[in-house]
């Protein structure tokens, strides 16, 4: 009985960690879709070179990665 009570904080921490991981993954997936759309729109508008559109996509994805890291801490 005492062992079960001692394990409760670890279970709660693992559940919280799983939730943070899931939230981070969701943010990265949403960002990935957003970056794709942004690049397509950029190329269709023809207001930048393909290299500039790629750079914008990279920056968008990097922002999403940072947001996911912030969720974990």
N, C-alpha and C. Protein backbone atom coordinates (compact mmCIF):
# COMPACT_ATOMS: atom_id res chain seq x y z
N UNK A 1 0.82 -1.18 0.00
CA UNK A 1 0.00 0.00 0.00
C UNK A 1 0.87 1.26 0.00
N UNK A 2 1.91 1.24 0.81
CA UNK A 2 2.80 2.39 0.89
C UNK A 2 3.55 2.62 -0.41
N UNK A 3 3.88 1.55 -1.11
CA UNK A 3 4.59 1.67 -2.39
C UNK A 3 3.69 2.33 -3.43
N UNK A 4 2.43 2.03 -3.39
CA UNK A 4 1.49 2.63 -4.34
C UNK A 4 1.36 4.13 -4.10
N UNK A 5 1.30 4.51 -2.85
CA UNK A 5 1.20 5.93 -2.52
C UNK A 5 2.48 6.67 -2.88
N UNK A 6 3.62 6.01 -2.73
CA UNK A 6 4.89 6.65 -3.07
C UNK A 6 5.04 6.82 -4.58
N UNK A 7 4.40 5.99 -5.37
CA UNK A 7 4.51 6.05 -6.82
C UNK A 7 3.59 7.10 -7.44
N UNK A 8 2.61 7.60 -6.72
CA UNK A 8 1.65 8.55 -7.27
C UNK A 8 2.30 9.82 -7.85
N UNK A 9 3.28 10.43 -7.19
CA UNK A 9 3.89 11.63 -7.79
C UNK A 9 4.57 11.33 -9.13
N UNK A 10 5.14 10.15 -9.28
CA UNK A 10 5.81 9.80 -10.52
C UNK A 10 4.80 9.63 -11.65
N UNK A 11 3.65 9.06 -11.34
CA UNK A 11 2.61 8.86 -12.34
C UNK A 11 2.08 10.22 -12.80
N UNK A 12 1.87 11.10 -11.85
CA UNK A 12 1.37 12.44 -12.19
C UNK A 12 2.39 13.19 -13.04
N UNK A 13 3.66 13.07 -12.72
CA UNK A 13 4.70 13.74 -13.49
C UNK A 13 4.78 13.16 -14.90
N UNK A 14 4.64 11.86 -15.03
CA UNK A 14 4.69 11.23 -16.35
C UNK A 14 3.50 11.67 -17.20
N UNK A 15 2.34 11.77 -16.59
CA UNK A 15 1.15 12.22 -17.32
C UNK A 15 1.32 13.66 -17.78
N UNK A 16 1.85 14.50 -16.93
CA UNK A 16 2.10 15.90 -17.30
C UNK A 16 3.11 15.99 -18.44
N UNK A 17 4.15 15.19 -18.35
CA UNK A 17 5.16 15.18 -19.40
C UNK A 17 4.56 14.72 -20.73
N UNK A 18 3.71 13.71 -20.69
CA UNK A 18 3.05 13.23 -21.91
C UNK A 18 2.17 14.32 -22.51
N UNK A 19 1.46 15.04 -21.67
CA UNK A 19 0.62 16.14 -22.15
C UNK A 19 1.46 17.23 -22.79
N UNK A 20 2.59 17.56 -22.18
CA UNK A 20 3.48 18.57 -22.75
C UNK A 20 4.03 18.13 -24.10
N UNK A 21 4.42 16.86 -24.18
CA UNK A 21 4.93 16.32 -25.44
C UNK A 21 3.88 16.39 -26.54
N UNK A 22 2.66 16.01 -26.20
CA UNK A 22 1.55 16.05 -27.16
C UNK A 22 1.28 17.48 -27.61
N UNK A 23 1.25 18.41 -26.67
CA UNK A 23 1.02 19.81 -27.02
C UNK A 23 2.12 20.34 -27.93
N UNK A 24 3.36 19.99 -27.62
CA UNK A 24 4.49 20.41 -28.45
C UNK A 24 4.39 19.85 -29.85
N UNK A 25 4.02 18.58 -29.95
CA UNK A 25 3.87 17.94 -31.26
C UNK A 25 2.76 18.62 -32.06
N UNK A 26 1.66 18.94 -31.40
CA UNK A 26 0.55 19.62 -32.08
C UNK A 26 0.98 20.98 -32.61
N UNK A 27 1.75 21.71 -31.82
CA UNK A 27 2.24 23.02 -32.26
C UNK A 27 3.14 22.86 -33.48
N UNK A 28 4.04 21.88 -33.44
CA UNK A 28 4.94 21.67 -34.59
C UNK A 28 4.17 21.27 -35.84
N UNK A 29 3.17 20.42 -35.69
CA UNK A 29 2.37 20.01 -36.85
C UNK A 29 1.61 21.19 -37.44
N UNK A 30 1.01 22.00 -36.58
CA UNK A 30 0.29 23.18 -37.06
C UNK A 30 1.23 24.15 -37.76
N UNK A 31 2.41 24.32 -37.20
CA UNK A 31 3.39 25.22 -37.78
C UNK A 31 3.85 24.72 -39.14
N UNK A 32 4.02 23.42 -39.25
CA UNK A 32 4.45 22.83 -40.52
C UNK A 32 3.43 23.14 -41.62
N UNK A 33 2.16 22.96 -41.31
CA UNK A 33 1.10 23.25 -42.29
C UNK A 33 1.08 24.73 -42.64
N UNK A 34 1.24 25.56 -41.63
CA UNK A 34 1.25 27.01 -41.84
C UNK A 34 2.41 27.41 -42.74
N UNK A 35 3.57 26.82 -42.51
CA UNK A 35 4.76 27.14 -43.31
C UNK A 35 4.57 26.71 -44.76
N UNK A 36 3.97 25.55 -44.98
CA UNK A 36 3.71 25.10 -46.35
C UNK A 36 2.79 26.08 -47.08
N UNK A 37 1.71 26.45 -46.41
CA UNK A 37 0.77 27.39 -47.02
C UNK A 37 1.43 28.73 -47.31
N UNK A 38 2.24 29.17 -46.37
CA UNK A 38 2.94 30.45 -46.54
C UNK A 38 3.85 30.41 -47.76
N UNK A 39 4.58 29.32 -47.93
CA UNK A 39 5.49 29.20 -49.07
C UNK A 39 4.71 29.17 -50.39
N UNK A 40 3.61 28.41 -50.41
CA UNK A 40 2.80 28.34 -51.63
C UNK A 40 2.26 29.71 -51.98
N UNK A 41 1.75 30.43 -50.99
CA UNK A 41 1.22 31.77 -51.23
C UNK A 41 2.32 32.70 -51.71
N UNK A 42 3.49 32.58 -51.13
CA UNK A 42 4.62 33.42 -51.51
C UNK A 42 4.99 33.18 -52.97
N UNK A 43 5.07 31.93 -53.36
CA UNK A 43 5.46 31.59 -54.73
C UNK A 43 4.38 32.03 -55.72
N UNK A 44 3.11 31.89 -55.36
CA UNK A 44 2.02 32.28 -56.26
C UNK A 44 1.97 33.79 -56.43
N UNK A 45 2.28 34.51 -55.38
CA UNK A 45 2.25 35.97 -55.45
C UNK A 45 3.43 36.50 -56.25
N UNK A 46 4.49 35.69 -56.35
CA UNK A 46 5.68 36.05 -57.12
C UNK A 46 6.33 37.34 -56.62
N UNK A 47 6.17 37.62 -55.36
CA UNK A 47 6.75 38.84 -54.83
C UNK A 47 8.16 38.62 -54.29
N UNK A 48 8.60 37.34 -54.24
CA UNK A 48 9.95 37.02 -53.77
C UNK A 48 10.50 35.88 -54.59
N UNK A 49 11.80 35.71 -54.52
CA UNK A 49 12.42 34.57 -55.19
C UNK A 49 12.08 33.30 -54.43
N UNK A 50 12.29 32.17 -55.07
CA UNK A 50 12.02 30.90 -54.42
C UNK A 50 12.90 30.75 -53.18
N UNK A 51 14.15 31.21 -53.25
CA UNK A 51 15.05 31.12 -52.10
C UNK A 51 14.52 31.94 -50.93
N UNK A 52 13.98 33.11 -51.21
CA UNK A 52 13.43 33.95 -50.14
C UNK A 52 12.19 33.29 -49.53
N UNK A 53 11.38 32.65 -50.37
CA UNK A 53 10.20 31.95 -49.87
C UNK A 53 10.62 30.78 -48.98
N UNK A 54 11.67 30.06 -49.38
CA UNK A 54 12.17 28.95 -48.57
C UNK A 54 12.66 29.45 -47.22
N UNK A 55 13.35 30.59 -47.22
CA UNK A 55 13.86 31.15 -45.97
C UNK A 55 12.71 31.53 -45.05
N UNK A 56 11.66 32.11 -45.62
CA UNK A 56 10.48 32.44 -44.81
C UNK A 56 9.89 31.19 -44.19
N UNK A 57 9.83 30.12 -44.97
CA UNK A 57 9.29 28.85 -44.47
C UNK A 57 10.14 28.33 -43.32
N UNK A 58 11.47 28.39 -43.48
CA UNK A 58 12.37 27.94 -42.41
C UNK A 58 12.17 28.73 -41.14
N UNK A 59 12.06 30.04 -41.28
CA UNK A 59 11.87 30.89 -40.11
C UNK A 59 10.55 30.58 -39.40
N UNK A 60 9.51 30.33 -40.18
CA UNK A 60 8.22 29.98 -39.59
C UNK A 60 8.32 28.68 -38.81
N UNK A 61 8.97 27.68 -39.41
CA UNK A 61 9.11 26.39 -38.75
C UNK A 61 9.98 26.52 -37.49
N UNK A 62 11.03 27.33 -37.55
CA UNK A 62 11.89 27.52 -36.39
C UNK A 62 11.11 28.17 -35.25
N UNK A 63 10.24 29.11 -35.58
CA UNK A 63 9.40 29.73 -34.56
C UNK A 63 8.49 28.70 -33.89
N UNK A 64 7.96 27.79 -34.66
CA UNK A 64 7.12 26.73 -34.11
C UNK A 64 7.90 25.79 -33.21
N UNK A 65 9.13 25.48 -33.61
CA UNK A 65 9.97 24.62 -32.77
C UNK A 65 10.25 25.29 -31.43
N UNK A 66 10.53 26.58 -31.47
CA UNK A 66 10.81 27.30 -30.23
C UNK A 66 9.57 27.34 -29.35
N UNK A 67 8.42 27.53 -29.96
CA UNK A 67 7.17 27.54 -29.19
C UNK A 67 6.94 26.18 -28.53
N UNK A 68 7.25 25.10 -29.26
CA UNK A 68 7.10 23.75 -28.69
C UNK A 68 8.07 23.55 -27.54
N UNK A 69 9.29 24.06 -27.66
CA UNK A 69 10.26 23.95 -26.55
C UNK A 69 9.77 24.71 -25.32
N UNK A 70 9.17 25.86 -25.55
CA UNK A 70 8.67 26.66 -24.44
C UNK A 70 7.55 25.94 -23.68
N UNK A 71 6.78 25.13 -24.38
CA UNK A 71 5.70 24.39 -23.74
C UNK A 71 6.28 23.39 -22.73
N UNK A 72 7.40 22.78 -23.06
CA UNK A 72 7.98 21.75 -22.21
C UNK A 72 8.52 22.30 -20.90
N UNK A 73 8.82 23.59 -20.84
CA UNK A 73 9.46 24.11 -19.64
C UNK A 73 8.59 25.08 -18.96
